[in-house]
Amino acid sequence: MSQLSVIDPRAKIGKDVTIGAFTTIEGDVEIGDGTWIGPNVTIMDGARIGRNCRIFPGAVISAIPQDLKFDGEITTTEIGDNTTIRECCTLNRGTKDRMKTKVGSNCLLMAYVHVAHDAFIGDNCIIANSANIAGHVDIEDWVVVEGVVAIQQFIRIGQHSFIAGGSLVRKSVPPFVKAAREPLSFAGVNTIGLRRRGFSNEAVAAIEDVYRTIYVHNSNMSRALHAAEMELPQTQEKQYILDFIRAADKGIIRGPQGL
């Protein structure tokens, strides 16, 4: 630990933690073993940081929410193991809605990413430079968000999905898909990502059949969901897709022809 850092003695810091110069760590903070914290990092009350993380210069972890409803409640920002937070990221702690903001394990948040209060990011996610994630957003496991993406509050991003750079995300993005264009639309199944993660060709083809039924063969979502339920073979992925869409009270992204 650098003698030029300011560390509250109440902070719980694990073994083999490196802390760079001019870093500030407040008292209600927990940092796991083997984590590296660079210079000029600010870690504020409520931070719960896992093992073997890397936090780069300029990051601010667990500042109070940018929410006028916040009333000083004791909340947290939780970061899982083996996650990298690059330069100048800002992760705000939760409010009384969820009481925490959460980033999972094995994630990469590139420079200038903002994660607002009560947002939940799953495991193995990549959030590229200058993405902005509003409050109460849910990003599930294995999601890739490219740079300069803005995600509106209360949106859900399904697992294994991919969002193209510069997108404005105003509707939920179902699992296993690529989303692009303006307004944000279905741009196909994320076949490359799925195969990289061990999905079989048969599983990928079955997912493509579900989305073909939903976005191409039907112009009415209720009819499309019924057709997929009744006409396609039952798989775990199909049921997850259908359940996700039915639970999306703000709606999902449009189809390739604007459906």
Protein backbone atom coordinates (compact mmCIF):
# COMPACT_ATOMS: atom_id res chain seq x y z
CA MET A 1 0.00 0.00 0.00
CA SER A 2 1.32 3.41 -0.94
CA GLN A 3 2.03 5.85 1.88
CA LEU A 4 0.41 8.50 -0.31
CA SER A 5 -3.00 6.81 -0.21
CA VAL A 6 -5.69 7.66 2.37
CA ILE A 7 -7.23 4.54 3.91
CA ASP A 8 -9.74 4.60 6.73
CA PRO A 9 -8.59 2.11 9.40
CA ARG A 10 -12.11 0.66 9.58
CA ALA A 11 -11.92 -0.62 5.99
CA LYS A 12 -11.67 -4.41 5.69
CA ILE A 13 -8.88 -5.15 3.24
CA GLY A 14 -7.88 -8.71 2.35
CA LYS A 15 -4.48 -10.27 1.80
CA ASP A 16 -2.13 -9.27 -1.02
CA VAL A 17 -4.13 -6.19 -1.97
CA THR A 18 -2.23 -3.49 -3.87
CA ILE A 19 -3.35 0.12 -3.42
CA GLY A 20 -1.77 2.87 -5.52
CA ALA A 21 -0.81 6.41 -4.61
CA PHE A 22 -3.46 9.09 -4.03
CA THR A 23 -6.22 6.52 -3.68
CA THR A 24 -8.91 7.15 -1.06
CA ILE A 25 -10.73 4.32 0.71
CA GLU A 26 -13.52 5.13 3.18
CA GLY A 27 -14.46 3.14 6.27
CA ASP A 28 -17.46 1.00 5.26
CA VAL A 29 -15.53 -0.81 2.56
CA GLU A 30 -14.58 -4.47 2.01
CA ILE A 31 -11.92 -5.53 -0.50
CA GLY A 32 -11.13 -9.17 -1.28
CA ASP A 33 -7.77 -10.90 -1.45
CA GLY A 34 -5.46 -10.25 -4.38
CA THR A 35 -7.26 -7.19 -5.70
CA TRP A 36 -5.20 -4.47 -7.42
CA ILE A 37 -6.30 -0.87 -7.03
CA GLY A 38 -4.43 1.70 -9.07
CA PRO A 39 -3.62 5.31 -8.22
CA ASN A 40 -6.24 8.04 -7.94
CA VAL A 41 -9.13 5.67 -7.26
CA THR A 42 -11.93 6.68 -4.89
CA ILE A 43 -13.72 3.87 -3.02
CA MET A 44 -16.54 5.16 -0.88
CA ASP A 45 -18.74 3.78 1.89
CA GLY A 46 -20.78 0.76 0.85
CA ALA A 47 -18.26 -0.76 -1.57
CA ARG A 48 -17.98 -4.55 -1.46
CA ILE A 49 -15.23 -5.63 -3.86
CA GLY A 50 -14.39 -9.27 -4.56
CA ARG A 51 -11.14 -11.13 -4.96
CA ASN A 52 -8.58 -10.60 -7.72
CA CYS A 53 -10.30 -7.55 -9.14
CA ARG A 54 -8.48 -4.73 -10.94
CA ILE A 55 -9.60 -1.12 -10.57
CA PHE A 56 -7.84 1.45 -12.73
CA PRO A 57 -7.06 5.15 -12.12
CA GLY A 58 -9.90 7.64 -11.89
CA ALA A 59 -12.61 5.11 -11.01
CA VAL A 60 -15.16 6.12 -8.36
CA ILE A 61 -16.83 3.18 -6.65
CA SER A 62 -19.96 3.48 -4.47
CA ALA A 63 -20.65 7.20 -4.57
CA ILE A 64 -24.17 8.10 -3.47
CA PRO A 65 -26.88 7.75 -6.14
CA GLN A 66 -27.66 10.55 -8.57
CA ASP A 67 -31.29 10.22 -7.56
CA LEU A 68 -33.32 12.96 -5.86
CA LYS A 69 -35.31 10.29 -4.00
CA PHE A 70 -32.19 9.06 -2.19
CA ASP A 71 -32.56 9.84 1.50
CA GLY A 72 -29.25 8.70 2.96
CA GLU A 73 -30.20 5.04 3.39
CA ILE A 74 -27.31 2.63 3.97
CA THR A 75 -26.80 0.79 0.69
CA THR A 76 -23.98 -0.93 -1.18
CA THR A 77 -22.15 -1.37 -4.46
CA GLU A 78 -21.12 -5.01 -4.92
CA ILE A 79 -18.46 -6.21 -7.38
CA GLY A 80 -17.78 -9.91 -7.90
CA ASP A 81 -14.47 -11.74 -8.20
CA ASN A 82 -12.03 -11.32 -11.11
CA THR A 83 -13.77 -8.23 -12.46
CA THR A 84 -11.86 -5.37 -14.10
CA ILE A 85 -13.01 -1.76 -13.78
CA ARG A 86 -11.08 0.46 -16.19
CA GLU A 87 -10.24 4.16 -16.07
CA CYS A 88 -12.81 6.70 -14.85
CA CYS A 89 -15.72 4.31 -14.41
CA THR A 90 -18.40 5.45 -11.96
CA LEU A 91 -20.51 2.92 -10.05
CA ASN A 92 -23.15 4.43 -7.75
CA ARG A 93 -24.56 2.58 -4.77
CA GLY A 94 -28.19 1.54 -4.46
CA THR A 95 -31.30 3.17 -3.07
CA LYS A 96 -34.12 1.79 -0.93
CA ASP A 97 -35.58 0.17 -4.06
CA ARG A 98 -32.99 -2.63 -4.22
CA MET A 99 -30.53 -1.51 -1.55
CA LYS A 100 -27.57 -2.24 -3.80
CA THR A 101 -25.96 -1.90 -7.19
CA LYS A 102 -24.31 -5.09 -8.40
CA VAL A 103 -21.65 -6.10 -10.92
CA GLY A 104 -20.96 -9.81 -11.21
CA SER A 105 -17.78 -11.86 -11.48
CA ASN A 106 -15.44 -12.07 -14.48
CA CYS A 107 -16.74 -8.83 -15.97
CA LEU A 108 -14.89 -6.12 -17.89
CA LEU A 109 -16.11 -2.55 -17.65
CA MET A 110 -14.06 -0.43 -20.03
CA ALA A 111 -13.14 3.23 -19.52
CA TYR A 112 -15.81 5.81 -18.66
CA VAL A 113 -18.64 3.33 -18.09
CA HIS A 114 -21.36 4.61 -15.75
CA VAL A 115 -23.47 2.18 -13.72
CA ALA A 116 -26.32 3.94 -11.93
CA HIS A 117 -28.09 3.05 -8.68
CA ASP A 118 -29.85 -0.29 -8.34
CA ALA A 119 -28.53 -1.62 -11.65
CA PHE A 120 -27.65 -5.33 -11.69
CA ILE A 121 -25.02 -6.68 -14.09
CA GLY A 122 -24.52 -10.44 -14.25
CA ASP A 123 -21.39 -12.55 -14.64
CA ASN A 124 -19.04 -12.62 -17.64
CA CYS A 125 -20.32 -9.36 -19.12
CA ILE A 126 -18.32 -6.91 -21.24
CA ILE A 127 -19.41 -3.27 -21.13
CA ALA A 128 -17.36 -1.21 -23.59
CA ASN A 129 -16.16 2.37 -23.36
CA SER A 130 -18.52 5.19 -22.39
CA ALA A 131 -21.62 3.04 -22.04
CA ASN A 132 -24.20 4.56 -19.71
CA ILE A 133 -26.45 2.26 -17.69
CA ALA A 134 -29.36 3.96 -15.96
CA GLY A 135 -30.93 3.04 -12.66
CA HIS A 136 -32.80 -0.23 -12.09
CA VAL A 137 -31.44 -1.87 -15.26
CA ASP A 138 -30.93 -5.65 -15.31
CA ILE A 139 -28.16 -7.02 -17.52
CA GLU A 140 -28.01 -10.80 -17.40
CA ASP A 141 -24.97 -13.10 -17.78
CA TRP A 142 -22.70 -13.13 -20.84
CA VAL A 143 -23.97 -9.87 -22.33
CA VAL A 144 -21.76 -7.70 -24.55
CA VAL A 145 -22.57 -3.99 -24.71
CA GLU A 146 -20.45 -2.08 -27.22
CA GLY A 147 -19.23 1.49 -26.75
CA VAL A 148 -21.33 4.65 -26.33
CA VAL A 149 -24.53 2.71 -25.63
CA ALA A 150 -27.18 4.36 -23.45
CA ILE A 151 -29.61 2.08 -21.60
CA GLN A 152 -32.82 3.60 -20.23
CA GLN A 153 -33.95 2.92 -16.67
CA PHE A 154 -35.88 -0.28 -15.81
CA ILE A 155 -34.72 -2.05 -18.98
CA ARG A 156 -33.77 -5.74 -18.98
CA ILE A 157 -31.08 -7.21 -21.23
CA GLY A 158 -31.32 -10.97 -21.71
CA GLN A 159 -28.38 -13.32 -21.36
CA HIS A 160 -25.96 -13.92 -24.24
CA SER A 161 -27.20 -10.86 -26.13
CA PHE A 162 -25.07 -8.33 -28.02
CA ILE A 163 -25.84 -4.62 -28.36
CA ALA A 164 -24.14 -2.69 -31.15
CA GLY A 165 -22.14 0.45 -30.44
CA GLY A 166 -23.93 3.79 -30.22
CA SER A 167 -27.33 2.23 -29.56
CA LEU A 168 -30.11 3.83 -27.55
CA VAL A 169 -31.83 1.08 -25.59
CA ARG A 170 -35.42 2.09 -24.79
CA LYS A 171 -36.99 -1.40 -24.81
CA SER A 172 -35.88 -4.68 -23.31
CA VAL A 173 -33.56 -6.87 -25.37
CA PRO A 174 -34.46 -10.59 -25.38
CA PRO A 175 -31.81 -13.26 -24.75
CA PHE A 176 -29.46 -14.69 -27.39
CA VAL A 177 -29.91 -11.86 -29.92
CA LYS A 178 -27.95 -9.12 -31.64
CA ALA A 179 -29.53 -5.67 -31.41
CA ALA A 180 -28.61 -2.76 -33.68
CA ARG A 181 -29.96 0.13 -35.80
CA GLU A 182 -32.06 3.12 -34.74
CA PRO A 183 -34.61 2.60 -33.33
CA LEU A 184 -32.95 -0.44 -31.78
CA SER A 185 -34.10 -3.59 -33.57
CA PHE A 186 -33.55 -7.33 -33.74
CA ALA A 187 -30.55 -7.95 -36.00
CA GLY A 188 -30.35 -11.73 -35.76
CA VAL A 189 -29.32 -14.36 -33.25
CA ASN A 190 -25.92 -13.96 -31.61
CA THR A 191 -24.68 -17.16 -33.23
CA ILE A 192 -20.96 -16.42 -32.96
CA GLY A 193 -21.19 -15.66 -29.25
CA LEU A 194 -23.34 -18.70 -28.57
CA ARG A 195 -20.97 -21.09 -30.37
CA ARG A 196 -17.97 -19.60 -28.56
CA ARG A 197 -19.73 -20.45 -25.29
CA GLY A 198 -20.42 -24.05 -26.20
CA PHE A 199 -23.95 -23.99 -27.61
CA SER A 200 -24.41 -26.80 -30.13
CA ASN A 201 -25.44 -26.15 -33.73
CA GLU A 202 -28.79 -27.77 -32.94
CA ALA A 203 -29.38 -25.44 -29.98
CA VAL A 204 -28.49 -22.38 -32.04
CA ALA A 205 -30.80 -23.50 -34.86
CA ALA A 206 -33.65 -24.01 -32.39
CA ILE A 207 -33.14 -20.47 -31.03
CA GLU A 208 -33.18 -19.13 -34.59
CA ASP A 209 -36.49 -20.93 -35.21
CA VAL A 210 -38.03 -19.23 -32.16
CA TYR A 211 -37.01 -15.76 -33.29
CA ARG A 212 -38.04 -16.45 -36.88
CA THR A 213 -41.49 -17.30 -35.57
CA ILE A 214 -41.61 -14.20 -33.36
CA TYR A 215 -40.12 -11.59 -35.66
CA VAL A 216 -40.61 -12.83 -39.24
CA HIS A 217 -43.62 -15.11 -39.52
CA ASN A 218 -46.00 -13.14 -37.31
CA SER A 219 -46.94 -9.46 -37.11
CA ASN A 220 -48.78 -9.78 -33.81
CA MET A 221 -46.74 -10.57 -30.67
CA SER A 222 -49.49 -12.49 -28.89
CA ARG A 223 -50.02 -14.65 -31.96
CA ALA A 224 -46.26 -15.12 -32.34
CA LEU A 225 -45.80 -16.28 -28.77
CA HIS A 226 -48.70 -18.71 -29.08
CA ALA A 227 -47.29 -20.09 -32.35
CA ALA A 228 -43.84 -20.57 -30.84
CA GLU A 229 -45.33 -22.26 -27.79
CA MET A 230 -47.50 -24.67 -29.76
CA GLU A 231 -45.57 -25.34 -32.97
CA LEU A 232 -41.89 -25.50 -31.97
CA PRO A 233 -40.12 -28.24 -30.01
CA GLN A 234 -39.87 -27.62 -26.30
CA THR A 235 -36.39 -26.56 -25.21
CA GLN A 236 -35.02 -24.76 -22.19
CA GLU A 237 -33.92 -21.85 -24.38
CA LYS A 238 -37.35 -21.51 -26.02
CA GLN A 239 -39.11 -21.38 -22.69
CA TYR A 240 -36.67 -18.81 -21.36
CA ILE A 241 -37.24 -16.59 -24.42
CA LEU A 242 -41.02 -16.80 -24.14
CA ASP A 243 -41.00 -16.16 -20.39
CA PHE A 244 -38.67 -13.18 -20.88
CA ILE A 245 -40.90 -11.57 -23.50
CA ARG A 246 -44.08 -12.11 -21.49
CA ALA A 247 -42.47 -10.47 -18.45
CA ALA A 248 -41.23 -7.42 -20.41
CA ASP A 249 -43.79 -4.88 -19.25
CA LYS A 250 -42.05 -2.07 -21.17
CA GLY A 251 -42.00 -4.16 -24.35
CA ILE A 252 -39.13 -5.60 -26.35
CA ILE A 253 -37.12 -4.27 -29.27
CA ARG A 254 -38.83 -4.24 -32.66
CA GLY A 255 -38.28 -6.72 -35.45
CA PRO A 256 -36.14 -6.27 -38.56
CA GLN A 257 -39.03 -4.71 -40.51
CA GLY A 258 -40.13 -2.53 -37.63
CA LEU A 259 -42.70 -5.02 -36.34
